[in-house]
Each structure stands twice: as C-alpha cells, then as structure tokens.
Protein backbone atom coordinates (compact mmCIF):
# COMPACT_ATOMS: atom_id res chain seq x y z
CA MET A 1 36.53 23.81 -5.79
CA ASP A 2 34.73 24.96 -2.75
CA SER A 3 33.64 22.26 -0.23
CA VAL A 4 29.86 21.11 -1.37
CA SER A 5 26.62 20.79 1.28
CA TRP A 6 25.94 17.27 0.04
CA THR A 7 22.03 16.64 -0.03
CA GLY A 8 20.03 14.13 -2.45
CA GLU A 9 19.58 17.32 -4.77
CA THR A 10 23.33 17.93 -5.04
CA ALA A 11 24.22 13.99 -5.43
CA CYS A 12 21.68 14.16 -8.21
CA ALA A 13 23.37 16.69 -9.69
CA LEU A 14 27.05 14.95 -9.70
CA GLN A 15 25.29 12.10 -11.29
CA ALA A 16 23.73 14.47 -13.95
CA ALA A 17 27.45 15.88 -14.39
CA LEU A 18 28.28 12.38 -14.50
CA GLN A 19 26.10 11.71 -17.20
CA MET A 20 25.10 8.08 -15.47
CA SER A 21 22.14 5.98 -15.09
CA ASN A 22 20.71 5.03 -11.35
CA ASP A 23 22.85 1.79 -11.67
CA ALA A 24 25.88 2.89 -13.08
CA PHE A 25 25.93 5.99 -10.76
CA ALA A 26 25.51 3.50 -7.53
CA ALA A 27 28.10 0.95 -9.00
CA TYR A 28 30.22 3.84 -9.05
CA LEU A 29 30.16 4.81 -5.36
CA ARG A 30 29.97 0.88 -4.71
CA ILE A 31 26.95 1.52 -3.05
CA GLY A 32 23.04 0.54 -3.57
CA VAL A 33 20.75 1.70 -5.95
CA ARG A 34 18.41 2.42 -3.45
CA THR A 35 20.19 4.79 -2.21
CA VAL A 36 20.51 6.77 -5.25
CA ALA A 37 16.76 6.40 -6.23
CA GLY A 38 16.17 7.55 -2.23
CA TRP A 39 18.15 10.73 -3.50
CA HIS A 40 15.65 11.52 -6.48
CA GLU A 41 12.68 10.92 -4.49
CA LYS A 42 13.86 12.99 -1.36
CA PRO A 43 16.21 15.58 -2.47
CA ASN A 44 16.44 17.64 0.86
CA THR A 45 18.03 14.46 2.54
CA LYS A 46 21.28 15.00 3.92
CA PRO A 47 23.63 11.83 3.64
CA GLN A 48 25.68 10.18 6.08
CA SER A 49 29.26 10.95 6.61
CA ALA A 50 30.69 8.10 5.33
CA MET A 51 28.61 8.79 2.44
CA GLN A 52 29.04 12.49 1.93
CA GLN A 53 32.98 11.37 1.85
CA LEU A 54 31.75 9.27 -1.28
CA LEU A 55 30.24 11.79 -3.01
CA ASP A 56 33.39 14.23 -2.42
CA THR A 57 35.88 11.85 -3.36
CA ALA A 58 33.83 11.34 -6.80
CA LEU A 59 33.95 15.19 -7.32
CA GLU A 60 37.65 15.12 -6.51
CA ASN A 61 38.32 12.40 -9.14
CA ALA A 62 35.94 13.78 -11.42
CA THR A 63 37.61 15.75 -14.82
CA SER A 64 37.21 19.05 -15.42
CA ALA A 65 34.17 18.97 -17.84
CA VAL A 66 32.10 16.79 -15.27
CA LYS A 67 33.25 19.75 -12.30
CA SER A 68 32.17 22.14 -14.93
CA ARG A 69 28.76 20.67 -15.42
CA PHE A 70 28.16 19.93 -11.33
CA ALA A 71 29.03 23.82 -10.86
CA GLN A 72 26.28 24.74 -13.67
CA LEU A 73 23.70 22.08 -12.06
CA THR A 74 24.43 24.00 -8.83
CA ALA A 75 24.55 27.31 -9.37
CA GLY A 76 21.36 27.76 -10.59
CA PRO A 77 18.45 26.37 -12.94
CA SER A 78 20.02 24.23 -15.65
CA THR A 79 18.44 24.64 -18.94
CA PRO A 80 15.70 22.03 -19.93
CA PRO A 81 14.00 21.00 -22.77
CA SER A 82 12.51 23.67 -24.77
CA ASP A 83 9.06 22.73 -24.25
CA ALA A 84 9.41 21.98 -20.86
CA GLU A 85 11.04 25.41 -20.86
CA GLN A 86 8.57 26.93 -22.29
CA ARG A 87 5.18 25.15 -20.16
CA LEU A 88 7.43 26.37 -16.73
CA ALA A 89 7.17 30.00 -18.21
CA ALA A 90 3.84 29.91 -20.28
CA ASP A 91 1.65 27.45 -19.50
CA PRO A 92 -1.36 28.61 -17.32
CA ASN A 93 -1.72 25.25 -15.62
CA ILE A 94 1.86 24.91 -14.54
CA VAL A 95 2.05 28.40 -13.21
CA ALA A 96 -0.82 27.51 -11.44
CA GLY A 97 0.47 25.19 -9.66
CA LEU A 98 3.61 27.03 -8.67
CA ASP A 99 1.63 30.27 -6.91
CA TRP A 100 -0.07 27.85 -5.00
CA LEU A 101 3.59 25.77 -3.99
CA ASP A 102 4.30 29.51 -3.21
CA HIS A 103 1.41 29.87 -1.28
CA HIS A 104 0.93 27.00 0.46
CA ALA A 105 4.43 26.39 1.70
CA GLY A 106 5.10 30.17 2.31
CA TRP A 107 7.69 31.31 -0.19
CA GLU A 108 8.28 34.21 -1.95
CA PRO A 109 6.54 34.69 -5.04
CA GLY A 110 8.69 33.21 -7.46
CA THR A 111 10.42 30.56 -5.26
CA ALA A 112 9.18 27.67 -6.55
CA ARG A 113 10.03 28.12 -10.26
CA GLY A 114 13.42 28.54 -9.16
CA ARG A 115 13.20 25.34 -7.37
CA VAL A 116 11.07 22.94 -9.99
CA ALA A 117 13.68 24.38 -12.57
CA ALA A 118 16.74 23.51 -11.04
CA ARG A 119 14.96 20.00 -10.35
CA LEU A 120 14.05 19.91 -14.22
CA GLY A 121 17.67 19.67 -14.91
CA LEU A 122 18.04 16.68 -12.87
CA VAL A 123 15.29 14.66 -13.88
CA ASP A 124 16.19 11.36 -16.05
CA VAL A 125 13.35 10.85 -18.18
CA GLN A 126 14.50 6.65 -18.90
CA ALA A 127 15.17 6.58 -15.15
CA LEU A 128 11.20 7.53 -14.65
CA ARG A 129 9.97 5.16 -17.21
CA ASP A 130 12.34 2.62 -15.54
CA ARG A 131 10.28 3.56 -12.08
CA GLY A 132 6.98 3.41 -14.17
CA SER A 133 7.95 -0.09 -15.14
CA ARG A 134 8.46 -1.23 -11.29
CA ARG A 135 5.33 0.65 -10.24
CA ALA A 136 3.52 -1.64 -12.40
CA ARG A 137 4.23 -4.26 -11.18
CA VAL A 138 3.01 -3.53 -8.06
CA ASP A 139 -0.35 -5.45 -8.07
CA GLN A 140 -3.63 -4.13 -6.56
CA ARG A 141 -3.71 -7.12 -4.13
CA ARG A 142 -0.62 -5.84 -2.75
CA ILE A 143 -1.87 -2.39 -2.58
CA ALA A 144 -5.01 -3.07 -0.69
CA GLU A 145 -3.17 -5.76 1.57
CA ALA A 146 -0.60 -2.90 2.75
CA LEU A 147 -3.32 -0.24 3.32
CA ALA A 148 -5.15 -3.19 5.54
CA ASP A 149 -1.89 -3.42 7.76
CA TYR A 150 -1.24 0.77 7.64
CA TYR A 151 -4.95 1.19 9.12
CA GLY A 152 -5.26 -1.46 10.83
CA ALA A 153 -8.74 -3.02 12.84
CA ARG A 154 -12.14 -1.41 11.49
CA THR A 155 -14.75 0.37 13.25
CA ALA A 156 -17.84 -0.82 12.80
CA PRO A 157 -20.46 -0.48 10.71
CA TYR A 158 -17.10 0.51 8.35
CA GLY A 159 -15.02 -1.77 6.48
CA THR A 160 -12.93 -2.24 3.44
CA TYR A 161 -15.11 -4.06 -0.04
CA SER A 162 -14.32 -7.58 -0.74
CA ALA A 163 -16.36 -10.16 -2.76
CA THR A 164 -16.27 -13.73 -3.61
CA TYR A 165 -17.21 -15.26 -6.82
CA ASP A 166 -16.55 -18.17 -8.58
CA GLY A 167 -14.62 -19.89 -5.78
CA SER A 168 -12.45 -16.99 -5.37
CA ALA A 169 -12.20 -13.61 -2.84
CA ALA A 170 -11.49 -10.08 -4.17
CA THR A 171 -10.57 -7.43 -2.07
CA THR A 172 -10.24 -3.58 -2.59
CA SER A 173 -8.96 -0.75 -0.74
CA ILE A 174 -12.40 1.25 -0.49
CA LEU A 175 -13.69 1.40 3.03
CA THR A 176 -17.40 1.32 2.62
CA GLN A 177 -20.46 0.29 4.96
CA PRO A 178 -23.58 -2.14 3.83
CA ASP A 179 -25.90 1.15 3.75
CA TRP A 180 -23.64 2.60 0.88
CA LEU A 181 -23.73 -0.67 -1.17
CA ASP A 182 -26.49 -1.86 -3.90
CA LEU A 183 -27.76 1.36 -3.89
CA GLU A 184 -30.24 0.84 -7.17
CA CYS A 185 -30.54 4.86 -7.32
CA PRO A 186 -30.86 5.96 -10.95
CA LEU A 187 -29.44 8.86 -12.17
CA ILE A 188 -31.91 11.68 -12.40
CA ALA A 189 -32.66 15.16 -10.64
CA THR A 190 -35.07 13.58 -7.94
CA ALA A 191 -32.62 10.99 -6.51
CA ASP A 192 -29.16 12.63 -7.74
CA ARG A 193 -29.07 15.20 -5.06
CA LEU A 194 -25.12 16.29 -4.00
CA SER A 195 -25.67 20.08 -3.23
CA VAL A 196 -23.17 22.63 -3.26
CA ILE A 197 -22.12 24.77 -0.39
CA ARG A 198 -19.55 26.90 0.59
CA ALA A 199 -15.89 24.83 1.56
CA ALA A 200 -13.58 25.49 4.20
CA GLU A 201 -10.40 27.65 2.75
CA ASP A 202 -8.18 25.35 1.33
CA ALA A 203 -5.03 27.40 2.18
CA ARG A 204 -4.87 26.48 5.68
CA MET A 205 -3.37 22.86 5.00
CA PRO A 206 0.18 23.25 6.29
CA LEU A 207 2.81 21.53 4.25
CA SER A 208 5.79 20.33 5.57
CA GLU A 209 9.55 20.20 4.02
CA GLU A 210 8.90 16.92 2.74
CA ALA A 211 5.37 17.65 1.37
CA THR A 212 6.93 20.73 -0.48
CA ALA A 213 9.78 18.75 -1.92
CA ARG A 214 7.20 16.27 -3.56
CA ALA A 215 5.35 18.91 -4.84
CA VAL A 216 8.34 20.27 -6.41
CA GLN A 217 9.56 16.99 -7.67
CA ARG A 218 5.78 16.16 -9.02
CA LEU A 219 5.72 19.04 -11.34
CA ALA A 220 9.33 18.57 -12.74
CA GLU A 221 8.28 15.45 -13.31
CA THR A 222 5.05 16.60 -15.08
CA LEU A 223 7.77 19.64 -17.41
CA ALA A 224 9.93 16.36 -17.92
CA THR A 225 7.57 13.88 -19.21
CA GLY A 226 4.83 15.93 -20.86
CA THR A 227 2.37 14.78 -18.15
CA ARG A 228 -1.13 16.73 -19.16
CA ILE A 229 -2.06 18.73 -15.74
CA VAL A 230 -5.27 20.89 -15.84
CA ASP A 231 -5.89 23.38 -12.70
CA MET A 232 -9.70 21.94 -13.65
CA PRO A 233 -12.55 23.24 -10.74
CA LEU A 234 -12.96 20.28 -8.73
CA TYR A 235 -15.78 19.11 -6.20
CA ARG A 236 -14.68 18.34 -2.98
CA LEU A 237 -17.07 16.37 -0.76
CA LEU A 238 -17.88 17.95 2.47
CA GLY A 239 -20.54 15.16 4.16
CA ILE A 240 -21.88 12.13 2.81
CA ASP A 241 -25.81 10.90 3.03
CA VAL A 242 -26.26 8.24 1.05
CA HIS A 243 -28.97 4.96 1.07
CA LYS A 244 -30.64 3.14 -1.35
CA GLY A 245 -32.26 4.56 -4.15
CA ARG A 246 -30.78 8.33 -3.20
CA ILE A 247 -27.29 10.15 -3.32
CA GLY A 248 -27.72 13.06 -1.21
CA GLY A 249 -24.78 15.23 0.84
CA GLN A 250 -22.79 18.34 0.32
CA ALA A 251 -19.93 19.58 -1.90
CA GLY A 252 -17.50 22.29 -2.22
CA VAL A 253 -15.40 23.65 -4.87
CA SER A 254 -11.82 23.13 -5.10
CA ARG A 255 -8.81 23.11 -7.49
CA PHE A 256 -6.97 20.17 -9.16
CA VAL A 257 -3.65 21.39 -8.84
CA GLY A 258 -4.06 21.54 -4.96
CA TYR A 259 -5.06 17.81 -5.02
CA ALA A 260 -2.90 16.92 -8.05
CA LEU A 261 0.28 18.36 -5.36
CA THR A 262 -1.20 16.94 -1.90
CA MET A 263 -3.41 13.83 -1.75
CA ASP A 264 -2.33 12.63 -5.11
CA LEU A 265 1.13 12.05 -3.95
CA LEU A 266 -0.57 9.12 -1.95
CA GLU A 267 -0.74 6.36 -4.21
CA ASN A 268 3.05 6.55 -6.02
CA GLU A 269 4.83 7.06 -2.64
CA LEU A 270 2.84 3.67 -1.40
CA VAL A 271 4.02 1.80 -4.38
CA ASP A 272 7.11 3.42 -4.53
CA ALA A 273 7.33 2.06 -1.09
CA LEU A 274 6.15 -1.38 -2.17
CA ALA A 275 8.01 -1.71 -5.56
CA ALA A 276 11.60 -1.21 -3.10
CA ASP A 277 10.25 -3.96 -0.33
CA SER A 278 10.50 -1.35 2.38
CA PRO A 279 8.47 -1.58 5.84
CA ILE A 280 5.30 0.52 5.26
CA LEU A 281 5.69 1.65 8.53
CA GLY A 282 7.94 4.82 8.71
CA SER A 283 8.48 5.00 4.62
CA LEU A 284 4.89 7.08 4.16
CA PRO A 285 5.70 10.06 5.38
CA LEU A 286 2.64 12.20 3.00
CA ARG A 287 0.21 9.76 4.46
CA ASP A 288 1.23 9.84 8.00
CA GLN A 289 0.90 13.80 7.72
CA TYR A 290 -2.27 13.48 4.73
CA LEU A 291 -4.19 10.74 6.05
CA PRO A 292 -2.64 8.76 8.85
CA ASP A 293 -5.80 6.89 10.42
CA LEU A 294 -9.39 5.82 9.35
CA ALA A 295 -10.85 8.87 11.59
CA ALA A 296 -8.90 11.03 9.49
CA VAL A 297 -10.48 9.01 6.34
CA LEU A 298 -13.57 9.23 7.31
CA ASN A 299 -13.75 13.24 8.33
CA VAL A 300 -14.17 14.17 4.92
CA SER A 301 -14.72 17.70 5.61
CA GLY A 302 -11.60 18.01 7.56
CA ARG A 303 -9.61 17.53 4.87
CA LEU A 304 -9.30 17.76 0.74
CA CYS A 305 -11.68 14.71 -0.46
CA ALA A 306 -11.76 15.11 -4.10
CA GLY A 307 -12.77 12.21 -6.01
CA GLY A 308 -15.17 10.73 -8.68
CA THR A 309 -17.42 8.26 -10.61
CA LEU A 310 -16.76 5.51 -12.77
CA ALA A 311 -19.39 2.94 -14.50
CA LEU A 312 -19.41 -0.44 -16.25
CA CYS A 313 -20.82 0.23 -19.55
CA ALA A 314 -23.24 -2.41 -20.77
CA ILE A 315 -24.11 -2.19 -24.28
CA ALA A 316 -27.00 -4.63 -25.64
CA ARG A 317 -26.11 -6.23 -28.78
CA PRO A 318 -28.53 -8.64 -31.05
CA ALA A 319 -27.90 -12.32 -31.82
CA SER A 320 -25.26 -12.95 -34.41
CA PRO A 321 -24.42 -16.10 -36.53
CA PHE A 322 -20.57 -15.44 -35.96
CA ARG A 323 -20.99 -14.42 -31.88
CA GLY A 324 -23.65 -16.01 -31.03
CA ASP A 325 -27.20 -14.97 -28.94
CA ALA A 326 -28.06 -11.46 -27.93
CA ASP A 327 -25.75 -9.88 -24.98
CA TYR A 328 -24.13 -7.03 -23.56
CA VAL A 329 -20.53 -5.95 -24.24
CA LEU A 330 -19.10 -4.75 -21.45
CA LEU A 331 -16.13 -2.42 -21.79
CA VAL A 332 -13.01 -2.14 -19.77
CA GLN A 333 -9.95 0.41 -20.53
CA GLU A 334 -6.08 -0.08 -19.67
CA ARG A 335 -5.47 3.69 -18.53
CA SER A 336 -2.88 5.46 -20.09
CA GLY A 337 0.57 6.15 -18.37
CA TYR A 338 0.17 10.18 -19.34
CA VAL A 339 -2.69 10.67 -16.43
CA LEU A 340 -1.90 11.44 -13.06
CA ASN A 341 -4.68 8.98 -11.67
CA ALA A 342 -4.32 5.24 -11.92
CA ALA A 343 -1.75 5.35 -14.79
CA ARG A 344 -1.16 1.68 -16.37
CA ARG A 345 -4.20 0.52 -14.22
CA LEU A 346 -7.17 -1.45 -15.68
CA ALA A 347 -10.72 0.80 -15.21
CA VAL A 348 -13.96 0.32 -16.05
CA ILE A 349 -15.13 3.27 -18.34
CA PRO A 350 -16.24 5.78 -18.39
CA LYS A 351 -14.23 6.89 -15.59
CA GLY A 352 -13.90 10.59 -14.45
CA PHE A 353 -13.14 13.52 -11.87
CA HIS A 354 -16.45 14.89 -10.35
CA GLN A 355 -15.92 18.56 -11.42
CA PRO A 356 -18.07 21.01 -12.81
CA LEU A 357 -18.43 22.20 -16.72
CA THR A 358 -19.74 25.61 -16.23
CA ASP A 359 -22.86 24.88 -14.15
CA ILE A 360 -22.19 24.68 -10.72
CA ARG A 361 -24.34 23.48 -9.15
CA ALA A 362 -26.76 21.37 -11.53
CA ASP A 363 -23.20 19.66 -12.43
CA ALA A 364 -23.23 18.46 -8.61
CA GLN A 365 -25.54 15.72 -9.73
CA ILE A 366 -23.25 12.59 -10.44
CA GLY A 367 -24.96 11.82 -13.43
CA ALA A 368 -23.50 15.45 -15.28
CA THR A 369 -19.94 13.81 -14.98
CA LEU A 370 -21.00 10.12 -16.38
CA ARG A 371 -23.16 12.04 -19.27
CA ARG A 372 -20.26 13.91 -19.71
CA GLU A 373 -17.64 11.50 -19.66
CA MET A 374 -19.51 9.15 -21.93
CA GLU A 375 -19.44 12.46 -24.70
CA GLU A 376 -15.59 12.84 -24.27
CA GLU A 377 -14.31 8.81 -23.25
CA PHE A 378 -16.37 7.55 -25.77
CA PHE A 379 -17.81 9.66 -28.67
CA GLY A 380 -14.47 11.62 -28.78
CA ARG A 381 -15.72 15.40 -27.83
CA ASP A 382 -12.55 17.23 -27.20
CA ASP A 383 -14.21 20.63 -26.94
CA ILE A 384 -15.34 19.49 -22.90
CA ASP A 385 -12.07 17.64 -22.20
CA ASN A 386 -10.17 20.70 -20.20
CA THR A 387 -7.01 18.93 -21.14
CA VAL A 388 -7.07 19.31 -24.30
CA SER A 389 -8.90 22.85 -24.71
CA ASP A 390 -10.49 25.71 -22.94
CA GLN A 391 -13.98 25.76 -21.71
CA ARG A 392 -15.89 28.70 -23.75
CA ARG A 393 -19.33 27.48 -24.20
CA ALA A 394 -21.72 28.19 -21.84
CA ASP A 395 -23.57 25.26 -22.37
CA PRO A 396 -21.25 22.50 -23.27
CA MET A 397 -23.97 19.93 -22.75
CA HIS A 398 -26.73 21.39 -24.58
CA PRO A 399 -28.52 19.18 -26.68
CA SER A 400 -27.65 20.69 -29.65
CA ARG A 401 -24.26 20.66 -29.35
CA LEU A 402 -24.34 16.25 -28.09
CA SER A 403 -22.76 13.99 -30.39
CA GLU A 404 -24.98 12.13 -32.70
CA PRO A 405 -24.88 8.72 -30.84
CA MET A 406 -25.42 10.22 -27.43
CA ARG A 407 -28.29 12.61 -29.26
CA TRP A 408 -29.73 9.42 -30.28
CA LEU A 409 -29.48 7.66 -26.87
CA MET A 410 -31.22 11.08 -25.36
CA GLU A 411 -33.55 11.23 -27.54
CA ARG A 412 -36.34 8.26 -26.73
CA PRO A 413 -36.48 7.01 -22.88
CA GLY A 414 -35.81 3.62 -22.00
CA ARG A 415 -32.84 3.76 -24.72
CA LEU A 416 -29.75 4.54 -21.53
CA ARG A 417 -30.08 3.24 -18.37
CA MET A 418 -27.43 5.16 -15.99
CA GLU A 419 -27.66 3.85 -11.56
CA CYS A 420 -25.29 4.87 -9.13
CA SER A 421 -24.22 0.98 -7.39
CA GLY A 422 -22.47 2.48 -4.44
CA PHE A 423 -20.51 4.98 -2.68
CA GLY A 424 -16.94 4.12 -0.78
CA LEU A 425 -13.93 6.24 0.06
CA ASN A 426 -10.35 4.91 -1.52
CA LEU A 427 -7.64 4.39 1.02
CA VAL A 428 -5.34 4.85 -1.69
CA SER A 429 -5.79 8.34 -1.44
CA GLY A 430 -8.48 9.43 0.05
CA ASN A 431 -10.82 10.18 -2.52
CA PHE A 432 -14.42 9.64 -2.71
CA GLU A 433 -15.79 6.77 -4.91
CA PHE A 434 -19.16 6.56 -6.74
CA PRO A 435 -19.58 3.32 -8.68
CA GLY A 436 -21.96 3.09 -11.63
CA LEU A 437 -23.70 0.95 -14.09
CA ILE A 438 -24.55 2.46 -17.70
CA VAL A 439 -26.92 0.31 -19.77
CA ILE A 440 -27.93 1.03 -23.05
CA GLU A 441 -30.79 -1.70 -23.86
CA ASP A 442 -31.76 -0.58 -27.26
CA GLU A 443 -29.43 -2.97 -29.36
CA GLU A 444 -29.78 -1.02 -32.19
CA PHE A 445 -27.56 1.39 -30.64
CA TRP A 446 -24.71 -1.42 -31.36
CA THR A 447 -25.89 -1.62 -34.97
CA ARG A 448 -25.85 1.93 -35.33
CA TYR A 449 -22.64 3.32 -33.50
CA GLY A 450 -21.32 0.19 -32.01
CA GLY A 451 -17.94 1.40 -34.47
CA VAL A 452 -17.71 4.67 -33.51
CA ILE A 453 -16.76 4.27 -29.89
CA GLU A 454 -13.08 4.59 -29.53
CA ALA A 455 -11.34 5.68 -26.03
CA ASN A 456 -9.42 8.88 -25.99
CA TRP A 457 -5.92 9.36 -24.69
CA GLU A 458 -6.62 8.33 -20.99
CA SER A 459 -6.65 5.31 -22.49
CA SER A 460 -4.10 2.92 -23.85
CA ASN A 461 -6.32 0.12 -25.06
CA LEU A 462 -9.59 -0.84 -24.84
CA ARG A 463 -11.27 -4.44 -24.42
CA GLN A 464 -14.80 -6.18 -24.79
CA TYR A 465 -16.19 -9.02 -22.74
CA SER A 466 -19.45 -10.32 -23.74
CA SER A 467 -22.27 -10.92 -20.57
CA LEU A 468 -22.69 -14.64 -21.38
CA ASP A 469 -19.33 -15.62 -20.54
CA PRO A 470 -18.99 -16.15 -16.84
CA LEU A 471 -15.32 -18.05 -16.80
CA LEU A 472 -13.82 -15.50 -19.07
CA LEU A 473 -15.05 -12.73 -16.48
CA ALA A 474 -13.93 -14.57 -14.13
CA GLU A 475 -10.90 -14.61 -15.18
CA LEU A 476 -11.12 -10.76 -15.59
CA ILE A 477 -12.11 -9.99 -11.87
CA SER A 478 -8.97 -11.86 -10.75
CA ASP A 479 -6.74 -9.90 -12.85
CA VAL A 480 -4.55 -7.71 -10.47
CA ALA A 481 -3.94 -5.35 -12.87
CA TRP A 482 -6.94 -3.05 -11.47
CA SER A 483 -7.84 0.19 -10.14
CA ASN A 484 -9.21 -0.58 -6.70
CA GLU A 485 -11.83 1.70 -7.61
CA GLY A 486 -12.38 -0.07 -11.01
CA LEU A 487 -12.17 -3.31 -9.30
CA PHE A 488 -15.28 -1.99 -7.06
CA ALA A 489 -17.38 -0.67 -9.98
CA LEU A 490 -16.45 -3.76 -11.55
CA LEU A 491 -18.12 -6.19 -8.80
CA GLN A 492 -20.81 -3.92 -8.25
CA GLY A 493 -21.68 -3.18 -11.84
CA LEU A 494 -21.77 -6.76 -12.31
CA ARG A 495 -23.66 -7.66 -9.53
CA ARG A 496 -27.06 -5.04 -10.42
CA LEU A 497 -26.65 -6.36 -14.10
CA ALA A 498 -27.12 -9.89 -12.80
CA GLN A 499 -30.02 -8.56 -11.64
CA ILE A 500 -31.95 -6.72 -14.87
CA GLY A 501 -30.03 -8.01 -18.00
CA GLY A 502 -32.44 -11.49 -17.94
CA SER A 503 -31.31 -13.49 -20.35
CA ARG A 504 -28.56 -11.46 -22.43
CA VAL A 505 -26.59 -12.36 -19.01
CA ASP A 506 -25.07 -15.48 -17.74
CA LEU A 507 -22.58 -13.89 -14.48
CA PRO A 508 -20.35 -14.71 -11.96
CA ALA A 509 -22.50 -14.86 -8.77
CA ILE A 510 -20.70 -12.02 -6.93
CA GLU A 511 -21.07 -11.94 -2.90
CA TRP A 512 -19.83 -8.77 -1.06
CA LYS A 513 -18.41 -8.40 2.44
CA VAL A 514 -16.85 -5.21 4.52
CA GLU A 515 -14.76 -6.23 6.98
C-alpha cells in the first residue's frame, strides 16, 4: 500500500476500518482517548511524526480485510446508511447547507457534498451518544464561569446577569444592563416595535479552514443522527433600543443554515473543551474567530446575531381538595437531544427562534413568535412547525385556524397576559434573548384545557411546579441542568409574577445584579 498522508480524517478512517471504538483504538495505539477524539473533532489536524509512525505500523500490521476497508474509506465517499444517503441527495435543507458551505468557503459546487459524504462514513453514532452524555455533565454554572474567564472584565453599564434568592446565588452567561431588565413590556402592537430593515450581506463573513471543517462535521453528524435541520428564515438583530414598557430596534432576515454552520457551533466547542478539562484560552478557535471579545458581542450589526424568545408560563388553577389553594401551575421542559439548541438542558416553555412565518414585518413582533410557539409547543399545531411540514398557508395564525384552546384565550381580553421581562445577549453563542412571562389569568382554562397541553418533539419531558411552593422553586432555580437563557427567563419571570400574582403566589424573593 502507498504511503499515507496522515491527518485526523485518515486516522479516523483507519479506526473505522479496524471497527474500533475511540477507547479501543486509543488502547490499540497506546495513546490517549482525547487524541482520538481530537481527530474526530479536527479532521484536518496533522499528527506529529511519532504519531504518524504509530499509524503507519498499525496499518502495516492490519489484516488484508482491514486494509481493503481503509482503502475504500480513503478513496472516496463510503456508502452511508440509506436514510442518510437519501437526505444527502434529496433533502432540500441539507442541500441548502451544502450550497451555503460551497459559497462561503469559496469551493467549487459539489465540493461540500463530497466532503460531507466522506465524513459521514467515518461518523461513529455510538461515540456521538457518548459525547452527548459527556456534554450533559457540563453544567450551566461551569459554562457561565468559563465564559466569564474568557471575556474578562466588563465595561459599564454592561455585565452578566446574576441573582440572589433564598440565601443562594445564581449566575448566567447573559450580558445585559440595568435598563434592559424588568421591562414590564406588554406584547401588543403599540409596545412591541422591532422593525425590519435590509440586512448586510452575510456572504462577506470569511470561513477559516477550521471553520469549514467544523461545518462539514456538523452536517455529517446531523445526517448520521437524524437530527432535524431546516433552512428557515431567521430574524437577525441589527440594532436594539429597549426600555421599560417598550421594545424597539431593527432586524434583518437571514437563513438558519448560516447560523447552524457558524455561531451555533460555539456552544458545543466550549462544552467539549470543558468536558475534556482543556484550558479555555487556546482551545476555542471558532470563538476566537466569531466572538472574540465583548466588543464583538455588542456589535450586533457587524455579525450574525440570531436568537429568540422564551417565556415562563403560569396558568391559573382553581383550588382543589387534593392539591390545595388556588395557584398558578408553572411549566418547565427538559429539551430533547434532537434539537440543535440547548439540547438536554432545562428551559422554560415555550422557547423558539425569532423568525417570520409569512408576514415578515408583522411577525417581527416578539409576541408573534410567542403566540406561534404556544400553538406549536402546547397545542400540537404541526402545520406551523417548519421542521415537520412546509408552510403553504397565507395566514397560519388566522383566528379561523387557531387551536380551540388558543382561540378561547384570544376571544376575550383578560384571559391571556403576555409580557417581555428583559433583554440580553447570550455569551454562549452571541444570541439575543427576549425572556417573557405568559400568564393565563382565567382559571377556567385549566379546567377546560389543562389535559390537552402536550409538549412537542423538542421536549423529552415536561414538569409542573406550583407558584405556592417556594422551597421546590428555590430547588428548581439551583438545578445546574438549566440552559443559561432558560435560567434568565425563569428568574425574570418569577420576579414579575411575584408582583402581579396576588394570593396565588408565594415565591422566593429574587434580586438581580449586573456585574
């Protein structure tokens, strides 16, 4: 066999030919498991000469069957599983990602497809599951602390959001300022005023060799695991002007695949470094490129700043001889492992990317996204979930198309209260976050429709808490499984609910700090 030019990719091809797990391959070569994992994460890495000699020896000593498999893997794309192969060939969302990558990397059309196909043959799905378990062990506090170390001292009035409650403290990775908190902004047209303007061209963002390799890996893993990715339109924040009682600013429209193959990679890069106990400085090449300092975080018009809104939902319940006094039920979700954003983390519900459905200007209202997410995540409206079906309706949120529970809420003023409780920029991936509070004031709703509320595929579990249980809520706040934006929304939502909830609430006293 001809001499091999060893890279992370060809080393992984030898591993695949030997049909070994990361641990077994590391033991076979007598090297560390982290080195093998690094080859999967950075396929363009060139091993040192001593490591290349180990790989040469391993290949020379391999059986003819192993050598044959290795030759097939390195000669070109291997045969992926049929469902993945079909998606690679025909899924318009994957095709959009491939086209985006060819364009932004400066490749000839078809290059990204070939590279993703080659990587797909090397993806070890079990290794991905193991990596997911390691990622889940990196808790919210470690992420917040690592980002605090990475970005260093803050510049007034900006700082990261933290809060004290019940003798304890919670810190987050949300960059905010006092004027962006406790907005008490009703999500109605007169106060919810984010406007749409023409955005700068995303195509000018250069991709480094490292960035293109990570994007290829993301697409290959998406295919191998069956993760949903949809090239939906996405609002891109270009300017922000918020204060108590009003949301203002400007947004443009971008595409989801551009976000998924760039900024959305920052969270996993960070979490993988923390899981491996690697030093943060020098271990985050994508963050160093896309979001290197606080000036870049705050320069929302000069980068791709996507994001969304999420809300603490409080539903009035009548008194019960079994449960006790009248209260609000508070809903919390455990995110599915099949979502790209905040996978396996705790979050409030609903939670969604801020994006238009059909009316780009009207849908820029934060309240429009929350109403849509209620329909999708609470009441089972698959027809407005663009990860499930195409959007062909002229007005999918027309009153005649609303679910029965949502129509009931909208029929009479006073049944549904929706507010924005703050604003911040998440240091995890630079996302903008609009935390909110949804209060269903009429307790008849729970009697009528409480039994039909059911989380969609984005959640693996749905929990409920009583607004009259301060001890359990304090325990919930301290849970390290939260996403940073989820904890931000929970804390701000509880603060506002304590002000307006009357006798239905007995909540921990929460005081925020920006530091």
